[in-house]
C-alpha atoms as a PDB file:
ATOM      1  CA  UNK A   1     100.235 -48.970-195.708  1.00  0.00           C
ATOM      2  CA  UNK A   2      97.498 -46.955-197.340  1.00  0.00           C
ATOM      3  CA  UNK A   3      94.922 -49.336-195.867  1.00  0.00           C
ATOM      4  CA  UNK A   4      96.348 -48.860-192.346  1.00  0.00           C
ATOM      5  CA  UNK A   5      96.297 -45.052-192.720  1.00  0.00           C
ATOM      6  CA  UNK A   6      92.680 -45.163-193.907  1.00  0.00           C
ATOM      7  CA  UNK A   7      91.646 -47.263-190.908  1.00  0.00           C
ATOM      8  CA  UNK A   8      93.409 -44.862-188.551  1.00  0.00           C
ATOM      9  CA  UNK A   9      91.663 -41.880-190.145  1.00  0.00           C
ATOM     10  CA  UNK A  10      88.251 -43.554-189.820  1.00  0.00           C
ATOM     11  CA  UNK A  11      88.910 -44.360-186.152  1.00  0.00           C
ATOM     12  CA  UNK A  12      89.866 -40.767-185.351  1.00  0.00           C
ATOM     13  CA  UNK A  13      86.771 -39.450-187.174  1.00  0.00           C
ATOM     14  CA  UNK A  14      84.517 -41.810-185.230  1.00  0.00           C
ATOM     15  CA  UNK A  15      86.001 -40.688-181.907  1.00  0.00           C
ATOM     16  CA  UNK A  16      85.452 -37.037-182.830  1.00  0.00           C
ATOM     17  CA  UNK A  17      81.825 -37.674-183.807  1.00  0.00           C
ATOM     18  CA  UNK A  18      81.088 -39.507-180.539  1.00  0.00           C
ATOM     19  CA  UNK A  19      82.716 -36.731-178.513  1.00  0.00           C
ATOM     20  CA  UNK A  20      80.613 -34.118-180.301  1.00  0.00           C
ATOM     21  CA  UNK A  21      77.405 -36.043-179.570  1.00  0.00           C
ATOM     22  CA  UNK A  22      78.295 -36.312-175.903  1.00  0.00           C
ATOM     23  CA  UNK A  23      78.961 -32.588-175.685  1.00  0.00           C
ATOM     24  CA  UNK A  24      75.664 -31.737-177.367  1.00  0.00           C
ATOM     25  CA  UNK A  25      73.761 -34.021-175.000  1.00  0.00           C
ATOM     26  CA  UNK A  26      75.443 -32.485-171.949  1.00  0.00           C
ATOM     27  CA  UNK A  27      74.707 -28.970-173.211  1.00  0.00           C
ATOM     28  CA  UNK A  28      71.022 -29.778-173.767  1.00  0.00           C
ATOM     29  CA  UNK A  29      70.730 -31.254-170.280  1.00  0.00           C
ATOM     30  CA  UNK A  30      72.310 -28.217-168.646  1.00  0.00           C
ATOM     31  CA  UNK A  31      70.104 -25.899-170.646  1.00  0.00           C
ATOM     32  CA  UNK A  32      67.060 -27.838-169.561  1.00  0.00           C
ATOM     33  CA  UNK A  33      68.043 -27.633-165.865  1.00  0.00           C
ATOM     34  CA  UNK A  34      68.608 -23.913-166.200  1.00  0.00           C
ATOM     35  CA  UNK A  35      65.170 -23.394-167.720  1.00  0.00           C
ATOM     36  CA  UNK A  36      63.596 -25.156-164.751  1.00  0.00           C
ATOM     37  CA  UNK A  37      64.902 -22.403-162.482  1.00  0.00           C
ATOM     38  CA  UNK A  38      64.245 -19.361-164.617  1.00  0.00           C
ATOM     39  CA  UNK A  39      61.168 -19.970-166.724  1.00  0.00           C
ATOM     40  CA  UNK A  40      58.781 -20.446-163.824  1.00  0.00           C
ATOM     41  CA  UNK A  41      55.038 -20.249-164.247  1.00  0.00           C
ATOM     42  CA  UNK A  42      53.952 -18.895-160.878  1.00  0.00           C
ATOM     43  CA  UNK A  43      51.172 -20.922-159.234  1.00  0.00           C
ATOM     44  CA  UNK A  44      48.649 -19.516-156.762  1.00  0.00           C
ATOM     45  CA  UNK A  45      50.795 -20.350-153.729  1.00  0.00           C
ATOM     46  CA  UNK A  46      54.139 -19.110-155.023  1.00  0.00           C
ATOM     47  CA  UNK A  47      56.135 -15.920-155.119  1.00  0.00           C
ATOM     48  CA  UNK A  48      55.621 -13.329-157.815  1.00  0.00           C
ATOM     49  CA  UNK A  49      58.173 -13.940-160.606  1.00  0.00           C
ATOM     50  CA  UNK A  50      59.442 -10.369-160.273  1.00  0.00           C
ATOM     51  CA  UNK A  51      59.771 -10.392-156.482  1.00  0.00           C
ATOM     52  CA  UNK A  52      63.387 -11.537-156.591  1.00  0.00           C
ATOM     53  CA  UNK A  53      64.496  -9.248-159.396  1.00  0.00           C
ATOM     54  CA  UNK A  54      62.675  -6.021-158.527  1.00  0.00           C
ATOM     55  CA  UNK A  55      59.495  -4.479-157.175  1.00  0.00           C
ATOM     56  CA  UNK A  56      56.530  -6.748-157.953  1.00  0.00           C
ATOM     57  CA  UNK A  57      53.391  -5.071-159.238  1.00  0.00           C
ATOM     58  CA  UNK A  58      51.024  -6.282-156.536  1.00  0.00           C
ATOM     59  CA  UNK A  59      47.267  -5.784-156.586  1.00  0.00           C
ATOM     60  CA  UNK A  60      45.702  -6.258-153.162  1.00  0.00           C
ATOM     61  CA  UNK A  61      42.096  -7.352-152.782  1.00  0.00           C
ATOM     62  CA  UNK A  62      42.207  -6.819-149.010  1.00  0.00           C
ATOM     63  CA  UNK A  63      42.622  -3.569-147.110  1.00  0.00           C
ATOM     64  CA  UNK A  64      44.479  -5.464-144.391  1.00  0.00           C
ATOM     65  CA  UNK A  65      46.959  -7.028-146.822  1.00  0.00           C
ATOM     66  CA  UNK A  66      47.420  -3.612-148.408  1.00  0.00           C
ATOM     67  CA  UNK A  67      48.433  -2.206-145.048  1.00  0.00           C
ATOM     68  CA  UNK A  68      50.779  -5.117-144.371  1.00  0.00           C
ATOM     69  CA  UNK A  69      52.504  -4.294-147.653  1.00  0.00           C
ATOM     70  CA  UNK A  70      52.856  -0.664-146.606  1.00  0.00           C
ATOM     71  CA  UNK A  71      54.552  -1.803-143.399  1.00  0.00           C
ATOM     72  CA  UNK A  72      57.247  -3.396-145.550  1.00  0.00           C
ATOM     73  CA  UNK A  73      57.683  -0.303-147.689  1.00  0.00           C
ATOM     74  CA  UNK A  74      55.766  -1.684-150.669  1.00  0.00           C
ATOM     75  CA  UNK A  75      52.972   0.295-152.288  1.00  0.00           C
ATOM     76  CA  UNK A  76      50.524  -1.887-154.233  1.00  0.00           C
ATOM     77  CA  UNK A  77      49.628  -0.750-157.733  1.00  0.00           C
ATOM     78  CA  UNK A  78      45.972  -1.295-156.902  1.00  0.00           C
ATOM     79  CA  UNK A  79      43.890  -1.973-153.814  1.00  0.00           C
ATOM     80  CA  UNK A  80      40.287  -2.390-152.783  1.00  0.00           C
ATOM     81  CA  UNK A  81      38.793   0.102-150.337  1.00  0.00           C
ATOM     82  CA  UNK A  82      36.925  -0.463-147.076  1.00  0.00           C
ATOM     83  CA  UNK A  83      33.396  -1.827-147.194  1.00  0.00           C
ATOM     84  CA  UNK A  84      31.698   1.291-145.806  1.00  0.00           C
ATOM     85  CA  UNK A  85      34.378   3.733-146.904  1.00  0.00           C
ATOM     86  CA  UNK A  86      34.288   5.680-150.149  1.00  0.00           C
ATOM     87  CA  UNK A  87      38.052   5.743-150.405  1.00  0.00           C
ATOM     88  CA  UNK A  88      41.161   4.350-148.778  1.00  0.00           C
ATOM     89  CA  UNK A  89      41.140   4.192-144.989  1.00  0.00           C
ATOM     90  CA  UNK A  90      41.975   7.563-143.485  1.00  0.00           C
ATOM     91  CA  UNK A  91      45.066   6.474-141.556  1.00  0.00           C
ATOM     92  CA  UNK A  92      46.845   5.232-144.698  1.00  0.00           C
ATOM     93  CA  UNK A  93      45.277   7.338-147.463  1.00  0.00           C
ATOM     94  CA  UNK A  94      48.349   9.566-147.737  1.00  0.00           C
ATOM     95  CA  UNK A  95      50.515   6.510-148.429  1.00  0.00           C
ATOM     96  CA  UNK A  96      48.295   5.294-151.255  1.00  0.00           C
ATOM     97  CA  UNK A  97      48.293   8.366-153.478  1.00  0.00           C
ATOM     98  CA  UNK A  98      49.821   6.389-156.342  1.00  0.00           C
ATOM     99  CA  UNK A  99      47.593   3.349-155.847  1.00  0.00           C
ATOM    100  CA  UNK A 100      44.568   2.747-158.053  1.00  0.00           C
ATOM    101  CA  UNK A 101      41.327   2.201-156.084  1.00  0.00           C
ATOM    102  CA  UNK A 102      39.711  -1.091-157.083  1.00  0.00           C
ATOM    103  CA  UNK A 103      36.303  -0.627-155.494  1.00  0.00           C
ATOM    104  CA  UNK A 104      34.882  -2.262-152.351  1.00  0.00           C
ATOM    105  CA  UNK A 105      36.271  -5.614-151.254  1.00  0.00           C
ATOM    106  CA  UNK A 106      32.939  -7.381-151.778  1.00  0.00           C
ATOM    107  CA  UNK A 107      32.488  -6.020-155.302  1.00  0.00           C
ATOM    108  CA  UNK A 108      35.900  -5.191-156.811  1.00  0.00           C
ATOM    109  CA  UNK A 109      36.336  -3.432-160.135  1.00  0.00           C
ATOM    110  CA  UNK A 110      37.657  -6.264-162.299  1.00  0.00           C
ATOM    111  CA  UNK A 111      38.141  -4.061-165.364  1.00  0.00           C
ATOM    112  CA  UNK A 112      40.349  -1.670-163.413  1.00  0.00           C
ATOM    113  CA  UNK A 113      42.286  -4.634-162.045  1.00  0.00           C
ATOM    114  CA  UNK A 114      42.806  -6.051-165.529  1.00  0.00           C
ATOM    115  CA  UNK A 115      44.030  -2.687-166.814  1.00  0.00           C
ATOM    116  CA  UNK A 116      46.739  -2.573-164.138  1.00  0.00           C
ATOM    117  CA  UNK A 117      48.405  -5.741-165.469  1.00  0.00           C
ATOM    118  CA  UNK A 118      49.654  -6.823-162.035  1.00  0.00           C
ATOM    119  CA  UNK A 119      52.388  -9.406-161.571  1.00  0.00           C
ATOM    120  CA  UNK A 120      50.491 -11.008-158.704  1.00  0.00           C
ATOM    121  CA  UNK A 121      47.197 -10.583-156.866  1.00  0.00           C
ATOM    122  CA  UNK A 122      46.800 -10.955-153.096  1.00  0.00           C
ATOM    123  CA  UNK A 123      43.405 -12.279-151.995  1.00  0.00           C
ATOM    124  CA  UNK A 124      41.600 -12.555-148.668  1.00  0.00           C
ATOM    125  CA  UNK A 125      40.004 -16.006-148.541  1.00  0.00           C
ATOM    126  CA  UNK A 126      37.021 -14.675-146.605  1.00  0.00           C
ATOM    127  CA  UNK A 127      35.911 -12.361-149.407  1.00  0.00           C
ATOM    128  CA  UNK A 128      37.548 -13.765-152.548  1.00  0.00           C
ATOM    129  CA  UNK A 129      38.106 -17.440-151.803  1.00  0.00           C
ATOM    130  CA  UNK A 130      35.290 -18.539-154.102  1.00  0.00           C
ATOM    131  CA  UNK A 131      36.532 -16.392-156.994  1.00  0.00           C
ATOM    132  CA  UNK A 132      40.171 -17.482-157.220  1.00  0.00           C
ATOM    133  CA  UNK A 133      39.763 -18.802-160.779  1.00  0.00           C
ATOM    134  CA  UNK A 134      38.404 -15.446-161.903  1.00  0.00           C
ATOM    135  CA  UNK A 135      41.455 -13.626-160.574  1.00  0.00           C
ATOM    136  CA  UNK A 136      43.865 -16.235-161.942  1.00  0.00           C
ATOM    137  CA  UNK A 137      42.755 -15.262-165.443  1.00  0.00           C
ATOM    138  CA  UNK A 138      44.396 -11.895-164.820  1.00  0.00           C
ATOM    139  CA  UNK A 139      47.544 -12.843-162.889  1.00  0.00           C
ATOM    140  CA  UNK A 140      48.955 -15.411-160.465  1.00  0.00           C
ATOM    141  CA  UNK A 141      47.306 -15.177-157.062  1.00  0.00           C
ATOM    142  CA  UNK A 142      48.248 -15.740-153.446  1.00  0.00           C
ATOM    143  CA  UNK A 143      45.376 -16.465-151.062  1.00  0.00           C
ATOM    144  CA  UNK A 144      45.608 -15.539-147.374  1.00  0.00           C
ATOM    145  CA  UNK A 145      43.353 -16.829-144.626  1.00  0.00           C
ATOM    146  CA  UNK A 146      43.442 -13.950-142.172  1.00  0.00           C
ATOM    147  CA  UNK A 147      41.782 -16.085-139.510  1.00  0.00           C
ATOM    148  CA  UNK A 148      44.828 -18.365-139.450  1.00  0.00           C
ATOM    149  CA  UNK A 149      47.457 -17.051-137.081  1.00  0.00           C
ATOM    150  CA  UNK A 150      47.880 -13.355-136.322  1.00  0.00           C
ATOM    151  CA  UNK A 151      48.830 -10.280-138.313  1.00  0.00           C
ATOM    152  CA  UNK A 152      52.425 -11.174-137.456  1.00  0.00           C
ATOM    153  CA  UNK A 153      52.098 -14.441-139.369  1.00  0.00           C
ATOM    154  CA  UNK A 154      50.546 -12.628-142.322  1.00  0.00           C
ATOM    155  CA  UNK A 155      53.356 -10.063-142.336  1.00  0.00           C
ATOM    156  CA  UNK A 156      56.000 -12.784-142.209  1.00  0.00           C
ATOM    157  CA  UNK A 157      54.337 -14.621-145.089  1.00  0.00           C
ATOM    158  CA  UNK A 158      54.296 -11.490-147.208  1.00  0.00           C
ATOM    159  CA  UNK A 159      57.897 -10.835-146.208  1.00  0.00           C
ATOM    160  CA  UNK A 160      58.887 -14.195-147.653  1.00  0.00           C
ATOM    161  CA  UNK A 161      56.993 -13.530-150.874  1.00  0.00           C
ATOM    162  CA  UNK A 162      58.699 -10.186-151.478  1.00  0.00           C
ATOM    163  CA  UNK A 163      62.088 -11.026-149.985  1.00  0.00           C
ATOM    164  CA  UNK A 164      61.710  -8.690-147.017  1.00  0.00           C
ATOM    165  CA  UNK A 165      61.748 -11.187-144.176  1.00  0.00           C
ATOM    166  CA  UNK A 166      64.216  -9.169-142.089  1.00  0.00           C
ATOM    167  CA  UNK A 167      62.063  -6.056-142.363  1.00  0.00           C
ATOM    168  CA  UNK A 168      59.042  -8.038-141.199  1.00  0.00           C
ATOM    169  CA  UNK A 169      60.949  -9.373-138.197  1.00  0.00           C
ATOM    170  CA  UNK A 170      62.231  -5.913-137.242  1.00  0.00           C
ATOM    171  CA  UNK A 171      58.731  -4.469-137.523  1.00  0.00           C
ATOM    172  CA  UNK A 172      57.345  -7.133-135.203  1.00  0.00           C
ATOM    173  CA  UNK A 173      60.182  -6.678-132.707  1.00  0.00           C
ATOM    174  CA  UNK A 174      59.553  -2.922-132.554  1.00  0.00           C
ATOM    175  CA  UNK A 175      55.842  -3.544-132.010  1.00  0.00           C
ATOM    176  CA  UNK A 176      56.493  -5.991-129.181  1.00  0.00           C
ATOM    177  CA  UNK A 177      58.803  -3.512-127.469  1.00  0.00           C
ATOM    178  CA  UNK A 178      56.201  -0.746-127.634  1.00  0.00           C
ATOM    179  CA  UNK A 179      53.449  -3.099-126.471  1.00  0.00           C
ATOM    180  CA  UNK A 180      55.434  -3.917-123.348  1.00  0.00           C
ATOM    181  CA  UNK A 181      55.697  -0.211-122.573  1.00  0.00           C
ATOM    182  CA  UNK A 182      51.979   0.431-123.156  1.00  0.00           C
ATOM    183  CA  UNK A 183      51.055  -2.529-120.931  1.00  0.00           C
ATOM    184  CA  UNK A 184      52.848  -0.833-118.069  1.00  0.00           C
ATOM    185  CA  UNK A 185      51.143   2.509-118.727  1.00  0.00           C
ATOM    186  CA  UNK A 186      47.680   0.933-118.733  1.00  0.00           C
ATOM    187  CA  UNK A 187      48.405  -1.087-115.615  1.00  0.00           C
ATOM    188  CA  UNK A 188      49.361   2.122-113.819  1.00  0.00           C
ATOM    189  CA  UNK A 189      45.801   3.352-114.367  1.00  0.00           C
ATOM    190  CA  UNK A 190      43.520   0.358-114.097  1.00  0.00           C
ATOM    191  CA  UNK A 191      45.726  -2.251-112.456  1.00  0.00           C
ATOM    192  CA  UNK A 192      44.461  -5.754-113.158  1.00  0.00           C
ATOM    193  CA  UNK A 193      40.943  -4.496-113.835  1.00  0.00           C
ATOM    194  CA  UNK A 194      38.714  -5.999-116.513  1.00  0.00           C
ATOM    195  CA  UNK A 195      38.188  -4.367-119.883  1.00  0.00           C
ATOM    196  CA  UNK A 196      35.579  -4.285-122.633  1.00  0.00           C
ATOM    197  CA  UNK A 197      35.312  -2.456-125.954  1.00  0.00           C
ATOM    198  CA  UNK A 198      32.086  -1.174-127.488  1.00  0.00           C
ATOM    199  CA  UNK A 199      31.073   0.507-130.719  1.00  0.00           C
ATOM    200  CA  UNK A 200      28.213   2.941-131.130  1.00  0.00           C
ATOM    201  CA  UNK A 201      26.631   3.159-134.584  1.00  0.00           C
ATOM    202  CA  UNK A 202      23.539   5.024-135.729  1.00  0.00           C
ATOM    203  CA  UNK A 203      21.315   2.078-134.861  1.00  0.00           C
ATOM    204  CA  UNK A 204      23.332  -0.364-132.758  1.00  0.00           C
ATOM    205  CA  UNK A 205      25.355  -0.766-129.619  1.00  0.00           C
ATOM    206  CA  UNK A 206      28.017  -3.427-130.174  1.00  0.00           C
ATOM    207  CA  UNK A 207      30.263  -5.235-127.732  1.00  0.00           C
ATOM    208  CA  UNK A 208      33.481  -6.585-129.248  1.00  0.00           C
ATOM    209  CA  UNK A 209      34.391 -10.234-128.751  1.00  0.00           C
ATOM    210  CA  UNK A 210      37.860 -11.762-128.446  1.00  0.00           C
ATOM    211  CA  UNK A 211      37.986 -12.089-132.256  1.00  0.00           C
ATOM    212  CA  UNK A 212      39.731  -9.673-134.595  1.00  0.00           C
ATOM    213  CA  UNK A 213      39.829  -6.790-135.049  1.00  0.00           C
ATOM    214  CA  UNK A 214      39.576  -5.591-131.445  1.00  0.00           C
ATOM    215  CA  UNK A 215      40.017  -8.725-129.360  1.00  0.00           C
ATOM    216  CA  UNK A 216      43.629  -9.610-130.225  1.00  0.00           C
ATOM    217  CA  UNK A 217      45.103  -6.185-129.518  1.00  0.00           C
ATOM    218  CA  UNK A 218      43.333  -5.802-126.162  1.00  0.00           C
ATOM    219  CA  UNK A 219      43.365  -9.311-124.765  1.00  0.00           C
ATOM    220  CA  UNK A 220      46.369 -10.918-126.478  1.00  0.00           C
ATOM    221  CA  UNK A 221      48.874  -8.168-127.240  1.00  0.00           C
ATOM    222  CA  UNK A 222      48.180  -5.971-124.214  1.00  0.00           C
ATOM    223  CA  UNK A 223      47.182  -8.898-122.021  1.00  0.00           C
ATOM    224  CA  UNK A 224      44.151  -7.093-120.567  1.00  0.00           C
ATOM    225  CA  UNK A 225      41.513  -9.057-118.659  1.00  0.00           C
ATOM    226  CA  UNK A 226      38.223  -9.474-120.575  1.00  0.00           C
ATOM    227  CA  UNK A 227      35.142  -8.231-118.732  1.00  0.00           C
ATOM    228  CA  UNK A 228      32.499 -10.716-117.597  1.00  0.00           C
ATOM    229  CA  UNK A 229      30.870 -12.527-120.496  1.00  0.00           C
ATOM    230  CA  UNK A 230      33.391 -11.503-123.165  1.00  0.00           C
ATOM    231  CA  UNK A 231      35.068 -14.906-123.313  1.00  0.00           C
ATOM    232  CA  UNK A 232      31.667 -16.582-123.558  1.00  0.00           C
ATOM    233  CA  UNK A 233      30.707 -14.613-126.673  1.00  0.00           C
ATOM    234  CA  UNK A 234      30.780 -16.312-130.067  1.00  0.00           C
ATOM    235  CA  UNK A 235      34.464 -16.011-131.004  1.00  0.00           C
ATOM    236  CA  UNK A 236      33.650 -16.572-134.677  1.00  0.00           C
ATOM    237  CA  UNK A 237      32.006 -13.136-134.779  1.00  0.00           C
ATOM    238  CA  UNK A 238      33.764  -9.819-134.158  1.00  0.00           C
ATOM    239  CA  UNK A 239      30.978  -8.360-132.023  1.00  0.00           C
ATOM    240  CA  UNK A 240      27.554  -8.862-130.514  1.00  0.00           C
ATOM    241  CA  UNK A 241      24.700  -6.363-130.667  1.00  0.00           C
ATOM    242  CA  UNK A 242      23.352  -5.586-127.192  1.00  0.00           C
ATOM    243  CA  UNK A 243      20.957  -3.232-125.455  1.00  0.00           C
ATOM    244  CA  UNK A 244      22.200  -0.586-123.040  1.00  0.00           C
ATOM    245  CA  UNK A 245      20.333  -2.338-120.254  1.00  0.00           C
ATOM    246  CA  UNK A 246      22.834  -5.237-120.201  1.00  0.00           C
ATOM    247  CA  UNK A 247      25.974  -3.086-119.961  1.00  0.00           C
ATOM    248  CA  UNK A 248      26.132  -3.376-116.147  1.00  0.00           C
ATOM    249  CA  UNK A 249      26.299  -7.176-116.488  1.00  0.00           C
ATOM    250  CA  UNK A 250      29.808  -6.925-117.948  1.00  0.00           C
ATOM    251  CA  UNK A 251      31.008  -5.155-114.800  1.00  0.00           C
ATOM    252  CA  UNK A 252      34.002  -3.710-116.669  1.00  0.00           C
ATOM    253  CA  UNK A 253      36.616  -1.631-114.868  1.00  0.00           C
ATOM    254  CA  UNK A 254      37.507   0.142-118.121  1.00  0.00           C
ATOM    255  CA  UNK A 255      35.699   0.659-121.420  1.00  0.00           C
ATOM    256  CA  UNK A 256      37.189   1.478-124.822  1.00  0.00           C
ATOM    257  CA  UNK A 257      34.587   3.261-126.955  1.00  0.00           C
ATOM    258  CA  UNK A 258      34.435   3.556-130.738  1.00  0.00           C
ATOM    259  CA  UNK A 259      31.771   5.962-132.013  1.00  0.00           C
ATOM    260  CA  UNK A 260      31.026   6.151-135.727  1.00  0.00           C
ATOM    261  CA  UNK A 261      31.659   9.569-137.242  1.00  0.00           C
ATOM    262  CA  UNK A 262      28.169  10.141-138.682  1.00  0.00           C
ATOM    263  CA  UNK A 263      25.804  12.539-136.904  1.00  0.00           C
ATOM    264  CA  UNK A 264      23.302   9.812-136.021  1.00  0.00           C
ATOM    265  CA  UNK A 265      25.936   7.763-134.202  1.00  0.00           C
ATOM    266  CA  UNK A 266      27.242  10.823-132.383  1.00  0.00           C
ATOM    267  CA  UNK A 267      23.702  11.639-131.242  1.00  0.00           C
ATOM    268  CA  UNK A 268      23.142   8.081-130.055  1.00  0.00           C
ATOM    269  CA  UNK A 269      26.312   8.202-127.969  1.00  0.00           C
ATOM    270  CA  UNK A 270      25.285  11.476-126.347  1.00  0.00           C
ATOM    271  CA  UNK A 271      21.963   9.894-125.422  1.00  0.00           C
ATOM    272  CA  UNK A 272      23.844   6.924-123.961  1.00  0.00           C
ATOM    273  CA  UNK A 273      26.073   9.213-121.912  1.00  0.00           C
ATOM    274  CA  UNK A 274      23.011  10.951-120.466  1.00  0.00           C
ATOM    275  CA  UNK A 275      21.368   7.653-119.542  1.00  0.00           C
ATOM    276  CA  UNK A 276      21.430   6.677-115.833  1.00  0.00           C
ATOM    277  CA  UNK A 277      22.476   3.143-116.799  1.00  0.00           C
ATOM    278  CA  UNK A 278      25.652   4.448-118.424  1.00  0.00           C
ATOM    279  CA  UNK A 279      26.328   6.921-115.653  1.00  0.00           C
ATOM    280  CA  UNK A 280      26.072   4.123-113.104  1.00  0.00           C
ATOM    281  CA  UNK A 281      28.704   1.919-114.744  1.00  0.00           C
ATOM    282  CA  UNK A 282      31.800   1.243-112.636  1.00  0.00           C
ATOM    283  CA  UNK A 283      34.151   2.296-115.450  1.00  0.00           C
ATOM    284  CA  UNK A 284      32.277   5.562-116.003  1.00  0.00           C
ATOM    285  CA  UNK A 285      32.316   6.455-112.316  1.00  0.00           C
ATOM    286  CA  UNK A 286      36.049   5.775-112.140  1.00  0.00           C
ATOM    287  CA  UNK A 287      36.794   7.867-115.223  1.00  0.00           C
ATOM    288  CA  UNK A 288      38.089   4.849-117.099  1.00  0.00           C
ATOM    289  CA  UNK A 289      36.291   5.402-120.395  1.00  0.00           C
ATOM    290  CA  UNK A 290      38.688   5.691-123.334  1.00  0.00           C
ATOM    291  CA  UNK A 291      37.424   7.025-126.699  1.00  0.00           C
ATOM    292  CA  UNK A 292      39.269   5.559-129.684  1.00  0.00           C
ATOM    293  CA  UNK A 293      38.814   5.992-133.431  1.00  0.00           C
ATOM    294  CA  UNK A 294      37.478   3.311-135.746  1.00  0.00           C
ATOM    295  CA  UNK A 295      40.714   3.703-137.648  1.00  0.00           C
ATOM    296  CA  UNK A 296      43.296   2.517-136.982  1.00  0.00           C
ATOM    297  CA  UNK A 297      41.847   0.384-134.168  1.00  0.00           C
ATOM    298  CA  UNK A 298      39.578  -1.702-136.386  1.00  0.00           C
ATOM    299  CA  UNK A 299      42.218  -2.258-139.060  1.00  0.00           C
ATOM    300  CA  UNK A 300      43.591  -5.652-138.107  1.00  0.00           C
ATOM    301  CA  UNK A 301      46.933  -5.374-139.870  1.00  0.00           C
ATOM    302  CA  UNK A 302      50.524  -4.699-138.930  1.00  0.00           C
ATOM    303  CA  UNK A 303      50.233  -0.997-139.625  1.00  0.00           C
ATOM    304  CA  UNK A 304      46.789  -0.720-138.019  1.00  0.00           C
ATOM    305  CA  UNK A 305      47.909  -2.344-134.784  1.00  0.00           C
ATOM    306  CA  UNK A 306      51.116  -0.304-134.702  1.00  0.00           C
ATOM    307  CA  UNK A 307      49.187   2.955-135.090  1.00  0.00           C
ATOM    308  CA  UNK A 308      46.650   1.855-132.472  1.00  0.00           C
ATOM    309  CA  UNK A 309      49.485   1.088-130.078  1.00  0.00           C
ATOM    310  CA  UNK A 310      50.968   4.527-130.782  1.00  0.00           C
ATOM    311  CA  UNK A 311      47.623   6.111-129.880  1.00  0.00           C
ATOM    312  CA  UNK A 312      47.308   4.013-126.722  1.00  0.00           C
ATOM    313  CA  UNK A 313      50.792   5.060-125.639  1.00  0.00           C
ATOM    314  CA  UNK A 314      49.937   8.719-126.092  1.00  0.00           C
ATOM    315  CA  UNK A 315      46.530   8.384-124.413  1.00  0.00           C
ATOM    316  CA  UNK A 316      47.725   6.560-121.309  1.00  0.00           C
ATOM    317  CA  UNK A 317      50.818   8.732-120.964  1.00  0.00           C
ATOM    318  CA  UNK A 318      48.579  11.775-120.461  1.00  0.00           C
ATOM    319  CA  UNK A 319      46.269  10.330-117.822  1.00  0.00           C
END
């Protein structure tokens, strides 16, 4: 009898031990699966680890990406400034009061960036594509090729990264609605006439191509007809330097004009206006010359294009 009781006790003990082992194994497996989802080391093409739980500390190494962030209500902790500018671009400077300037895009202040301790760094492939490893030593990075797609695609991509996809979609929808209205206003003035955009600097006269920053808003968004020769320009470059003598060749019905703010550029434009070649242009004779500012028109971003469209609406509503 004692022997039978002993055997029964041993059997029960063995069952309990095996059950405990199974429970421990299951617990370890579940814990491991959980860690896969929470302890994520963010790679260069992933979302910031804080994006889903709160505001990510984003450092932007592109003025255009900075402005896309602003469109979604996100202020980066740090941002580069424009190449020729000494500070943030004028049309967004008031929104970046709490943002640390990180120097020009082509020569960013890496020490200032390091001191910010960002969660993630946004890079423009054109300017920082060769230095990704350098930035990855500071924080995870996300690289954007701004020549792929349009600013809408860039805004949507950022929206996914920061969990603001709906805001991105609403922003784009509002832009499209306003664009439709501005199209009608412009058509009321120039009909189906052809258009070109030029920029006057201290030393150069530039004609914009179909490439960003100016081409997409004029010829894609607003659907305006490019003047003669515009489509044949090198689309890999934003503009072509020309002499005033060739302006009549474009035969444009309307001209958008950007004049740099420095005194030398202003003087050059006055000289151009007094030149018989300029005065003989079809667009000039018809009164279809439209002065526009470098900013926001040359800021190819969601906020830049929206502000440019706002200005176009106001300008063509007055005429």
